Structures are given as C-alpha cells and as structure tokens.
Amino acid sequence: MEEKVLNLLHLARKAGKLKYGFDTVERSCFRGDSKLVIYANDIAERSKKKLLDMAYAFNIKAVEFGTKELLGKSFKMRDIGIISIDDSNFAKGIIGILR
C-alpha cells in the first residue's frame, strides 16, 4: 500500500500536480487548485489543526500518511510534512489505495 501511494505521488510530481510545504499547500488551497491534502502523522499538533481547519473550510479531503522522514526520503529532501495533490485523478487514486 505504502509503495503504491508513493508511486502515485511521484507521478503527480512529474506531472507538476504536487506541492509540498505548508505555505505552498496553503496557497494551493486558497487558489482552489488542491484536490487532496496529505499530512504526515508526526507533524506538530498546531500545524495539523490549522491544516485540517483550512481543508474543512475549502472542502478539501485531508488524509494522514506516513512520516515526515518517509516523505522526505522519498523525494530526496529534508522532512516533508504536508503535501497537496492538485489533480482530481491522482487524488482519487490515492484515496482509493488508502481506504
């Protein structure tokens, strides 16, 4: 399951439909581009609450997946805690896998 989600995230990144980092994800939500928000299970509670409130306000599905370290290593970066998927097909695929 984890590998399938990561593969879809990489495909979304190659297609230019993936944003990461709180500020970038927030802008994506405000513009109405975001279809799904993924957050790591070890982000700060304050960030998690702010993210979930924002997702609720903009009617965007938010799901918990992996850790900051896992997401960061997957994209060869430092820790990544929050990701936005800006394509409805990628979002549906990831939600389908995580259910």
PDB file of N, CA and C in Angstrom:
ATOM      1  N   MET A   1       0.830  -1.189   0.000  1.00  0.00           N
ATOM      2  CA  MET A   1       0.000   0.000   0.000  1.00  0.00           C
ATOM      3  C   MET A   1       0.878   1.257   0.000  1.00  0.00           C
ATOM      4  N   GLU A   2       1.855   1.305   0.894  1.00  0.00           N
ATOM      5  CA  GLU A   2       2.721   2.470   1.018  1.00  0.00           C
ATOM      6  C   GLU A   2       3.458   2.751  -0.292  1.00  0.00           C
ATOM      7  N   GLU A   3       3.961   1.701  -0.910  1.00  0.00           N
ATOM      8  CA  GLU A   3       4.703   1.860  -2.147  1.00  0.00           C
ATOM      9  C   GLU A   3       3.811   2.381  -3.279  1.00  0.00           C
ATOM     10  N   LYS A   4       2.562   1.917  -3.339  1.00  0.00           N
ATOM     11  CA  LYS A   4       1.633   2.376  -4.373  1.00  0.00           C
ATOM     12  C   LYS A   4       1.336   3.866  -4.227  1.00  0.00           C
ATOM     13  N   VAL A   5       1.129   4.309  -2.988  1.00  0.00           N
ATOM     14  CA  VAL A   5       0.867   5.733  -2.743  1.00  0.00           C
ATOM     15  C   VAL A   5       2.078   6.562  -3.140  1.00  0.00           C
ATOM     16  N   LEU A   6       3.253   6.123  -2.758  1.00  0.00           N
ATOM     17  CA  LEU A   6       4.469   6.858  -3.105  1.00  0.00           C
ATOM     18  C   LEU A   6       4.679   6.916  -4.614  1.00  0.00           C
ATOM     19  N   ASN A   7       4.353   5.834  -5.311  1.00  0.00           N
ATOM     20  CA  ASN A   7       4.466   5.844  -6.769  1.00  0.00           C
ATOM     21  C   ASN A   7       3.522   6.879  -7.381  1.00  0.00           C
ATOM     22  N   LEU A   8       2.287   6.940  -6.889  1.00  0.00           N
ATOM     23  CA  LEU A   8       1.347   7.945  -7.395  1.00  0.00           C
ATOM     24  C   LEU A   8       1.815   9.358  -7.069  1.00  0.00           C
ATOM     25  N   LEU A   9       2.396   9.546  -5.887  1.00  0.00           N
ATOM     26  CA  LEU A   9       2.911  10.865  -5.530  1.00  0.00           C
ATOM     27  C   LEU A   9       4.042  11.279  -6.473  1.00  0.00           C
ATOM     28  N   HIS A  10       4.896  10.337  -6.835  1.00  0.00           N
ATOM     29  CA  HIS A  10       5.983  10.644  -7.765  1.00  0.00           C
ATOM     30  C   HIS A  10       5.447  10.973  -9.155  1.00  0.00           C
ATOM     31  N   LEU A  11       4.425  10.249  -9.577  1.00  0.00           N
ATOM     32  CA  LEU A  11       3.812  10.557 -10.875  1.00  0.00           C
ATOM     33  C   LEU A  11       3.176  11.942 -10.858  1.00  0.00           C
ATOM     34  N   ALA A  12       2.516  12.281  -9.759  1.00  0.00           N
ATOM     35  CA  ALA A  12       1.912  13.609  -9.632  1.00  0.00           C
ATOM     36  C   ALA A  12       2.979  14.692  -9.656  1.00  0.00           C
ATOM     37  N   ARG A  13       4.092  14.423  -9.039  1.00  0.00           N
ATOM     38  CA  ARG A  13       5.195  15.402  -9.033  1.00  0.00           C
ATOM     39  C   ARG A  13       5.727  15.619 -10.451  1.00  0.00           C
ATOM     40  N   LYS A  14       5.914  14.515 -11.184  1.00  0.00           N
ATOM     41  CA  LYS A  14       6.402  14.628 -12.557  1.00  0.00           C
ATOM     42  C   LYS A  14       5.418  15.395 -13.435  1.00  0.00           C
ATOM     43  N   ALA A  15       4.133  15.261 -13.143  1.00  0.00           N
ATOM     44  CA  ALA A  15       3.095  15.957 -13.910  1.00  0.00           C
ATOM     45  C   ALA A  15       2.922  17.406 -13.462  1.00  0.00           C
ATOM     46  N   GLY A  16       3.623  17.798 -12.408  1.00  0.00           N
ATOM     47  CA  GLY A  16       3.513  19.167 -11.903  1.00  0.00           C
ATOM     48  C   GLY A  16       2.273  19.406 -11.076  1.00  0.00           C
ATOM     49  N   LYS A  17       1.701  18.348 -10.535  1.00  0.00           N
ATOM     50  CA  LYS A  17       0.451  18.438  -9.776  1.00  0.00           C
ATOM     51  C   LYS A  17       0.644  18.182  -8.294  1.00  0.00           C
ATOM     52  N   LEU A  18       1.870  18.306  -7.798  1.00  0.00           N
ATOM     53  CA  LEU A  18       2.159  18.057  -6.393  1.00  0.00           C
ATOM     54  C   LEU A  18       2.869  19.275  -5.803  1.00  0.00           C
ATOM     55  N   LYS A  19       2.388  19.711  -4.650  1.00  0.00           N
ATOM     56  CA  LYS A  19       3.011  20.817  -3.923  1.00  0.00           C
ATOM     57  C   LYS A  19       3.327  20.316  -2.521  1.00  0.00           C
ATOM     58  N   TYR A  20       4.419  20.804  -1.929  1.00  0.00           N
ATOM     59  CA  TYR A  20       4.739  20.401  -0.562  1.00  0.00           C
ATOM     60  C   TYR A  20       5.255  21.584   0.221  1.00  0.00           C
ATOM     61  N   GLY A  21       5.080  21.502   1.526  1.00  0.00           N
ATOM     62  CA  GLY A  21       5.410  22.610   2.415  1.00  0.00           C
ATOM     63  C   GLY A  21       4.139  23.365   2.759  1.00  0.00           C
ATOM     64  N   PHE A  22       4.034  23.818   4.003  1.00  0.00           N
ATOM     65  CA  PHE A  22       2.776  24.397   4.475  1.00  0.00           C
ATOM     66  C   PHE A  22       2.357  25.624   3.668  1.00  0.00           C
ATOM     67  N   ASP A  23       3.284  26.552   3.431  1.00  0.00           N
ATOM     68  CA  ASP A  23       2.922  27.786   2.730  1.00  0.00           C
ATOM     69  C   ASP A  23       2.460  27.519   1.301  1.00  0.00           C
ATOM     70  N   THR A  24       3.154  26.644   0.606  1.00  0.00           N
ATOM     71  CA  THR A  24       2.788  26.314  -0.772  1.00  0.00           C
ATOM     72  C   THR A  24       1.446  25.601  -0.831  1.00  0.00           C
ATOM     73  N   VAL A  25       1.227  24.686   0.103  1.00  0.00           N
ATOM     74  CA  VAL A  25      -0.048  23.973   0.160  1.00  0.00           C
ATOM     75  C   VAL A  25      -1.180  24.939   0.481  1.00  0.00           C
ATOM     76  N   GLU A  26      -0.928  25.854   1.395  1.00  0.00           N
ATOM     77  CA  GLU A  26      -1.940  26.851   1.759  1.00  0.00           C
ATOM     78  C   GLU A  26      -2.337  27.694   0.544  1.00  0.00           C
ATOM     79  N   ARG A  27      -1.370  28.146  -0.229  1.00  0.00           N
ATOM     80  CA  ARG A  27      -1.668  28.924  -1.443  1.00  0.00           C
ATOM     81  C   ARG A  27      -2.475  28.097  -2.435  1.00  0.00           C
ATOM     82  N   SER A  28      -2.122  26.833  -2.572  1.00  0.00           N
ATOM     83  CA  SER A  28      -2.834  25.947  -3.485  1.00  0.00           C
ATOM     84  C   SER A  28      -4.304  25.794  -3.061  1.00  0.00           C
ATOM     85  N   CYS A  29      -4.535  25.714  -1.767  1.00  0.00           N
ATOM     86  CA  CYS A  29      -5.903  25.609  -1.249  1.00  0.00           C
ATOM     87  C   CYS A  29      -6.681  26.900  -1.498  1.00  0.00           C
ATOM     88  N   PHE A  30      -6.051  28.035  -1.233  1.00  0.00           N
ATOM     89  CA  PHE A  30      -6.708  29.324  -1.428  1.00  0.00           C
ATOM     90  C   PHE A  30      -7.070  29.557  -2.897  1.00  0.00           C
ATOM     91  N   ARG A  31      -6.212  29.106  -3.807  1.00  0.00           N
ATOM     92  CA  ARG A  31      -6.482  29.276  -5.240  1.00  0.00           C
ATOM     93  C   ARG A  31      -7.548  28.305  -5.741  1.00  0.00           C
ATOM     94  N   GLY A  32      -7.828  27.264  -4.952  1.00  0.00           N
ATOM     95  CA  GLY A  32      -8.798  26.256  -5.378  1.00  0.00           C
ATOM     96  C   GLY A  32      -8.186  25.158  -6.217  1.00  0.00           C
ATOM     97  N   ASP A  33      -6.863  25.073  -6.249  1.00  0.00           N
ATOM     98  CA  ASP A  33      -6.183  24.045  -7.040  1.00  0.00           C
ATOM     99  C   ASP A  33      -6.125  22.701  -6.330  1.00  0.00           C
ATOM    100  N   SER A  34      -6.038  22.711  -5.028  1.00  0.00           N
ATOM    101  CA  SER A  34      -5.831  21.491  -4.251  1.00  0.00           C
ATOM    102  C   SER A  34      -7.075  20.598  -4.249  1.00  0.00           C
ATOM    103  N   LYS A  35      -6.856  19.317  -4.529  1.00  0.00           N
ATOM    104  CA  LYS A  35      -7.938  18.319  -4.506  1.00  0.00           C
ATOM    105  C   LYS A  35      -7.811  17.375  -3.313  1.00  0.00           C
ATOM    106  N   LEU A  36      -6.592  17.255  -2.793  1.00  0.00           N
ATOM    107  CA  LEU A  36      -6.319  16.373  -1.664  1.00  0.00           C
ATOM    108  C   LEU A  36      -5.108  16.901  -0.916  1.00  0.00           C
ATOM    109  N   VAL A  37      -5.189  16.875   0.404  1.00  0.00           N
ATOM    110  CA  VAL A  37      -4.054  17.261   1.239  1.00  0.00           C
ATOM    111  C   VAL A  37      -3.625  16.031   2.034  1.00  0.00           C
ATOM    112  N   ILE A  38      -2.343  15.737   1.988  1.00  0.00           N
ATOM    113  CA  ILE A  38      -1.775  14.614   2.731  1.00  0.00           C
ATOM    114  C   ILE A  38      -0.848  15.190   3.785  1.00  0.00           C
ATOM    115  N   TYR A  39      -0.995  14.711   5.022  1.00  0.00           N
ATOM    116  CA  TYR A  39      -0.109  15.178   6.083  1.00  0.00           C
ATOM    117  C   TYR A  39       0.505  13.986   6.803  1.00  0.00           C
ATOM    118  N   ALA A  40       1.740  14.172   7.243  1.00  0.00           N
ATOM    119  CA  ALA A  40       2.463  13.119   7.954  1.00  0.00           C
ATOM    120  C   ALA A  40       1.902  12.975   9.356  1.00  0.00           C
ATOM    121  N   ASN A  41       1.979  11.781   9.895  1.00  0.00           N
ATOM    122  CA  ASN A  41       1.408  11.535  11.220  1.00  0.00           C
ATOM    123  C   ASN A  41       2.220  12.148  12.352  1.00  0.00           C
ATOM    124  N   ASP A  42       3.407  12.658  12.050  1.00  0.00           N
ATOM    125  CA  ASP A  42       4.234  13.243  13.105  1.00  0.00           C
ATOM    126  C   ASP A  42       4.434  14.761  12.956  1.00  0.00           C
ATOM    127  N   ILE A  43       3.506  15.442  12.254  1.00  0.00           N
ATOM    128  CA  ILE A  43       3.602  16.899  12.219  1.00  0.00           C
ATOM    129  C   ILE A  43       3.094  17.459  13.540  1.00  0.00           C
ATOM    130  N   ALA A  44       3.439  18.689  13.821  1.00  0.00           N
ATOM    131  CA  ALA A  44       3.038  19.328  15.071  1.00  0.00           C
ATOM    132  C   ALA A  44       1.508  19.433  15.147  1.00  0.00           C
ATOM    133  N   GLU A  45       0.972  19.270  16.343  1.00  0.00           N
ATOM    134  CA  GLU A  45      -0.483  19.331  16.532  1.00  0.00           C
ATOM    135  C   GLU A  45      -1.063  20.658  16.062  1.00  0.00           C
ATOM    136  N   ARG A  46      -0.340  21.735  16.308  1.00  0.00           N
ATOM    137  CA  ARG A  46      -0.818  23.058  15.894  1.00  0.00           C
ATOM    138  C   ARG A  46      -0.918  23.150  14.365  1.00  0.00           C
ATOM    139  N   SER A  47       0.086  22.640  13.681  1.00  0.00           N
ATOM    140  CA  SER A  47       0.068  22.626  12.210  1.00  0.00           C
ATOM    141  C   SER A  47      -1.050  21.732  11.694  1.00  0.00           C
ATOM    142  N   LYS A  48      -1.215  20.590  12.334  1.00  0.00           N
ATOM    143  CA  LYS A  48      -2.263  19.661  11.931  1.00  0.00           C
ATOM    144  C   LYS A  48      -3.638  20.299  12.081  1.00  0.00           C
ATOM    145  N   LYS A  49      -3.875  20.969  13.204  1.00  0.00           N
ATOM    146  CA  LYS A  49      -5.169  21.617  13.422  1.00  0.00           C
ATOM    147  C   LYS A  49      -5.406  22.711  12.396  1.00  0.00           C
ATOM    148  N   LYS A  50      -4.389  23.523  12.126  1.00  0.00           N
ATOM    149  CA  LYS A  50      -4.513  24.601  11.151  1.00  0.00           C
ATOM    150  C   LYS A  50      -4.798  24.035   9.756  1.00  0.00           C
ATOM    151  N   LEU A  51      -4.098  22.961   9.412  1.00  0.00           N
ATOM    152  CA  LEU A  51      -4.290  22.322   8.116  1.00  0.00           C
ATOM    153  C   LEU A  51      -5.696  21.738   7.980  1.00  0.00           C
ATOM    154  N   LEU A  52      -6.141  21.019   9.000  1.00  0.00           N
ATOM    155  CA  LEU A  52      -7.467  20.410   8.948  1.00  0.00           C
ATOM    156  C   LEU A  52      -8.574  21.460   8.906  1.00  0.00           C
ATOM    157  N   ASP A  53      -8.396  22.558   9.640  1.00  0.00           N
ATOM    158  CA  ASP A  53      -9.374  23.655   9.589  1.00  0.00           C
ATOM    159  C   ASP A  53      -9.427  24.259   8.193  1.00  0.00           C
ATOM    160  N   MET A  54      -8.273  24.453   7.582  1.00  0.00           N
ATOM    161  CA  MET A  54      -8.213  25.010   6.235  1.00  0.00           C
ATOM    162  C   MET A  54      -8.857  24.060   5.227  1.00  0.00           C
ATOM    163  N   ALA A  55      -8.548  22.772   5.330  1.00  0.00           N
ATOM    164  CA  ALA A  55      -9.124  21.784   4.420  1.00  0.00           C
ATOM    165  C   ALA A  55     -10.652  21.750   4.560  1.00  0.00           C
ATOM    166  N   TYR A  56     -11.133  21.814   5.783  1.00  0.00           N
ATOM    167  CA  TYR A  56     -12.575  21.823   6.024  1.00  0.00           C
ATOM    168  C   TYR A  56     -13.218  23.071   5.414  1.00  0.00           C
ATOM    169  N   ALA A  57     -12.579  24.223   5.604  1.00  0.00           N
ATOM    170  CA  ALA A  57     -13.118  25.489   5.103  1.00  0.00           C
ATOM    171  C   ALA A  57     -13.221  25.494   3.575  1.00  0.00           C
ATOM    172  N   PHE A  58     -12.284  24.848   2.905  1.00  0.00           N
ATOM    173  CA  PHE A  58     -12.273  24.832   1.448  1.00  0.00           C
ATOM    174  C   PHE A  58     -12.818  23.527   0.869  1.00  0.00           C
ATOM    175  N   ASN A  59     -13.387  22.682   1.721  1.00  0.00           N
ATOM    176  CA  ASN A  59     -13.988  21.415   1.306  1.00  0.00           C
ATOM    177  C   ASN A  59     -12.988  20.534   0.543  1.00  0.00           C
ATOM    178  N   ILE A  60     -11.809  20.377   1.137  1.00  0.00           N
ATOM    179  CA  ILE A  60     -10.750  19.564   0.558  1.00  0.00           C
ATOM    180  C   ILE A  60     -10.522  18.367   1.475  1.00  0.00           C
ATOM    181  N   LYS A  61     -10.455  17.197   0.892  1.00  0.00           N
ATOM    182  CA  LYS A  61     -10.198  15.987   1.670  1.00  0.00           C
ATOM    183  C   LYS A  61      -8.764  16.006   2.187  1.00  0.00           C
ATOM    184  N   ALA A  62      -8.596  15.642   3.453  1.00  0.00           N
ATOM    185  CA  ALA A  62      -7.265  15.566   4.072  1.00  0.00           C
ATOM    186  C   ALA A  62      -7.074  14.164   4.650  1.00  0.00           C
ATOM    187  N   VAL A  63      -5.927  13.560   4.360  1.00  0.00           N
ATOM    188  CA  VAL A  63      -5.633  12.219   4.858  1.00  0.00           C
ATOM    189  C   VAL A  63      -4.244  12.184   5.485  1.00  0.00           C
ATOM    190  N   GLU A  64      -4.088  11.304   6.441  1.00  0.00           N
ATOM    191  CA  GLU A  64      -2.803  11.111   7.108  1.00  0.00           C
ATOM    192  C   GLU A  64      -2.084   9.952   6.436  1.00  0.00           C
ATOM    193  N   PHE A  65      -0.778  10.163   6.158  1.00  0.00           N
ATOM    194  CA  PHE A  65       0.001   9.109   5.516  1.00  0.00           C
ATOM    195  C   PHE A  65       1.467   9.249   5.888  1.00  0.00           C
ATOM    196  N   GLY A  66       2.047   8.204   6.369  1.00  0.00           N
ATOM    197  CA  GLY A  66       3.483   8.127   6.604  1.00  0.00           C
ATOM    198  C   GLY A  66       4.015   9.120   7.622  1.00  0.00           C
ATOM    199  N   THR A  67       5.314   9.278   7.589  1.00  0.00           N
ATOM    200  CA  THR A  67       6.003  10.202   8.485  1.00  0.00           C
ATOM    201  C   THR A  67       6.727  11.255   7.646  1.00  0.00           C
ATOM    202  N   LYS A  68       7.168  12.312   8.325  1.00  0.00           N
ATOM    203  CA  LYS A  68       7.925  13.361   7.630  1.00  0.00           C
ATOM    204  C   LYS A  68       9.191  12.782   7.011  1.00  0.00           C
ATOM    205  N   GLU A  69       9.835  11.900   7.748  1.00  0.00           N
ATOM    206  CA  GLU A  69      11.069  11.293   7.257  1.00  0.00           C
ATOM    207  C   GLU A  69      10.818  10.443   6.014  1.00  0.00           C
ATOM    208  N   LEU A  70       9.755   9.633   6.032  1.00  0.00           N
ATOM    209  CA  LEU A  70       9.423   8.783   4.888  1.00  0.00           C
ATOM    210  C   LEU A  70       9.155   9.627   3.647  1.00  0.00           C
ATOM    211  N   LEU A  71       8.338  10.656   3.788  1.00  0.00           N
ATOM    212  CA  LEU A  71       8.014  11.511   2.646  1.00  0.00           C
ATOM    213  C   LEU A  71       9.250  12.266   2.164  1.00  0.00           C
ATOM    214  N   GLY A  72      10.060  12.744   3.095  1.00  0.00           N
ATOM    215  CA  GLY A  72      11.277  13.448   2.716  1.00  0.00           C
ATOM    216  C   GLY A  72      12.257  12.563   1.975  1.00  0.00           C
ATOM    217  N   LYS A  73      12.478  11.360   2.487  1.00  0.00           N
ATOM    218  CA  LYS A  73      13.407  10.428   1.829  1.00  0.00           C
ATOM    219  C   LYS A  73      12.897  10.043   0.446  1.00  0.00           C
ATOM    220  N   SER A  74      11.598   9.890   0.326  1.00  0.00           N
ATOM    221  CA  SER A  74      11.006   9.500  -0.940  1.00  0.00           C
ATOM    222  C   SER A  74      11.276  10.530  -2.035  1.00  0.00           C
ATOM    223  N   PHE A  75      11.300  11.809  -1.648  1.00  0.00           N
ATOM    224  CA  PHE A  75      11.537  12.876  -2.614  1.00  0.00           C
ATOM    225  C   PHE A  75      12.965  13.438  -2.528  1.00  0.00           C
ATOM    226  N   LYS A  76      13.834  12.732  -1.796  1.00  0.00           N
ATOM    227  CA  LYS A  76      15.237  13.119  -1.634  1.00  0.00           C
ATOM    228  C   LYS A  76      15.377  14.555  -1.141  1.00  0.00           C
ATOM    229  N   MET A  77      14.609  14.851  -0.092  1.00  0.00           N
ATOM    230  CA  MET A  77      14.633  16.164   0.532  1.00  0.00           C
ATOM    231  C   MET A  77      14.665  15.978   2.040  1.00  0.00           C
ATOM    232  N   ARG A  78      14.733  17.103   2.751  1.00  0.00           N
ATOM    233  CA  ARG A  78      14.566  17.015   4.196  1.00  0.00           C
ATOM    234  C   ARG A  78      13.129  16.630   4.477  1.00  0.00           C
ATOM    235  N   ASP A  79      12.773  16.587   5.717  1.00  0.00           N
ATOM    236  CA  ASP A  79      11.430  16.161   6.112  1.00  0.00           C
ATOM    237  C   ASP A  79      10.347  16.961   5.397  1.00  0.00           C
ATOM    238  N   ILE A  80       9.345  16.235   4.891  1.00  0.00           N
ATOM    239  CA  ILE A  80       8.171  16.851   4.269  1.00  0.00           C
ATOM    240  C   ILE A  80       6.967  16.427   5.100  1.00  0.00           C
ATOM    241  N   GLY A  81       6.226  17.383   5.629  1.00  0.00           N
ATOM    242  CA  GLY A  81       5.095  17.056   6.489  1.00  0.00           C
ATOM    243  C   GLY A  81       3.737  17.218   5.840  1.00  0.00           C
ATOM    244  N   ILE A  82       3.663  18.065   4.790  1.00  0.00           N
ATOM    245  CA  ILE A  82       2.369  18.372   4.183  1.00  0.00           C
ATOM    246  C   ILE A  82       2.518  18.398   2.665  1.00  0.00           C
ATOM    247  N   ILE A  83       1.579  17.726   1.983  1.00  0.00           N
ATOM    248  CA  ILE A  83       1.598  17.643   0.523  1.00  0.00           C
ATOM    249  C   ILE A  83       0.203  17.961   0.004  1.00  0.00           C
ATOM    250  N   SER A  84       0.154  18.663  -1.123  1.00  0.00           N
ATOM    251  CA  SER A  84      -1.111  18.930  -1.802  1.00  0.00           C
ATOM    252  C   SER A  84      -1.087  18.265  -3.171  1.00  0.00           C
ATOM    253  N   ILE A  85      -2.155  17.569  -3.505  1.00  0.00           N
ATOM    254  CA  ILE A  85      -2.321  16.978  -4.827  1.00  0.00           C
ATOM    255  C   ILE A  85      -3.295  17.887  -5.579  1.00  0.00           C
ATOM    256  N   ASP A  86      -2.863  18.420  -6.718  1.00  0.00           N
ATOM    257  CA  ASP A  86      -3.663  19.384  -7.464  1.00  0.00           C
ATOM    258  C   ASP A  86      -4.328  18.776  -8.697  1.00  0.00           C
ATOM    259  N   ASP A  87      -4.585  17.485  -8.663  1.00  0.00           N
ATOM    260  CA  ASP A  87      -5.241  16.796  -9.772  1.00  0.00           C
ATOM    261  C   ASP A  87      -6.256  15.814  -9.199  1.00  0.00           C
ATOM    262  N   SER A  88      -7.475  15.866  -9.694  1.00  0.00           N
ATOM    263  CA  SER A  88      -8.533  15.030  -9.120  1.00  0.00           C
ATOM    264  C   SER A  88      -8.306  13.540  -9.370  1.00  0.00           C
ATOM    265  N   ASN A  89      -7.704  13.170 -10.496  1.00  0.00           N
ATOM    266  CA  ASN A  89      -7.472  11.753 -10.769  1.00  0.00           C
ATOM    267  C   ASN A  89      -6.414  11.161  -9.846  1.00  0.00           C
ATOM    268  N   PHE A  90      -5.325  11.884  -9.638  1.00  0.00           N
ATOM    269  CA  PHE A  90      -4.320  11.416  -8.688  1.00  0.00           C
ATOM    270  C   PHE A  90      -4.921  11.341  -7.284  1.00  0.00           C
ATOM    271  N   ALA A  91      -5.717  12.339  -6.927  1.00  0.00           N
ATOM    272  CA  ALA A  91      -6.344  12.362  -5.597  1.00  0.00           C
ATOM    273  C   ALA A  91      -7.254  11.148  -5.406  1.00  0.00           C
ATOM    274  N   LYS A  92      -8.071  10.851  -6.399  1.00  0.00           N
ATOM    275  CA  LYS A  92      -8.972   9.687  -6.313  1.00  0.00           C
ATOM    276  C   LYS A  92      -8.187   8.388  -6.184  1.00  0.00           C
ATOM    277  N   GLY A  93      -7.097   8.278  -6.943  1.00  0.00           N
ATOM    278  CA  GLY A  93      -6.268   7.078  -6.875  1.00  0.00           C
ATOM    279  C   GLY A  93      -5.662   6.877  -5.501  1.00  0.00           C
ATOM    280  N   ILE A  94      -5.155   7.932  -4.912  1.00  0.00           N
ATOM    281  CA  ILE A  94      -4.539   7.831  -3.589  1.00  0.00           C
ATOM    282  C   ILE A  94      -5.581   7.524  -2.522  1.00  0.00           C
ATOM    283  N   ILE A  95      -6.722   8.177  -2.594  1.00  0.00           N
ATOM    284  CA  ILE A  95      -7.797   7.900  -1.625  1.00  0.00           C
ATOM    285  C   ILE A  95      -8.246   6.461  -1.736  1.00  0.00           C
ATOM    286  N   GLY A  96      -8.351   5.964  -2.973  1.00  0.00           N
ATOM    287  CA  GLY A  96      -8.757   4.569  -3.188  1.00  0.00           C
ATOM    288  C   GLY A  96      -7.785   3.577  -2.569  1.00  0.00           C
ATOM    289  N   ILE A  97      -6.509   3.867  -2.639  1.00  0.00           N
ATOM    290  CA  ILE A  97      -5.493   2.983  -2.061  1.00  0.00           C
ATOM    291  C   ILE A  97      -5.532   3.032  -0.539  1.00  0.00           C
ATOM    292  N   LEU A  98      -5.710   4.224   0.020  1.00  0.00           N
ATOM    293  CA  LEU A  98      -5.649   4.381   1.474  1.00  0.00           C
ATOM    294  C   LEU A  98      -6.906   3.883   2.203  1.00  0.00           C
ATOM    295  N   ARG A  99      -7.961   3.587   1.494  1.00  0.00           N
ATOM    296  CA  ARG A  99      -9.176   3.075   2.144  1.00  0.00           C
ATOM    297  C   ARG A  99      -9.106   1.621   2.381  1.00  0.00           C
TER     298      ARG A  99
END
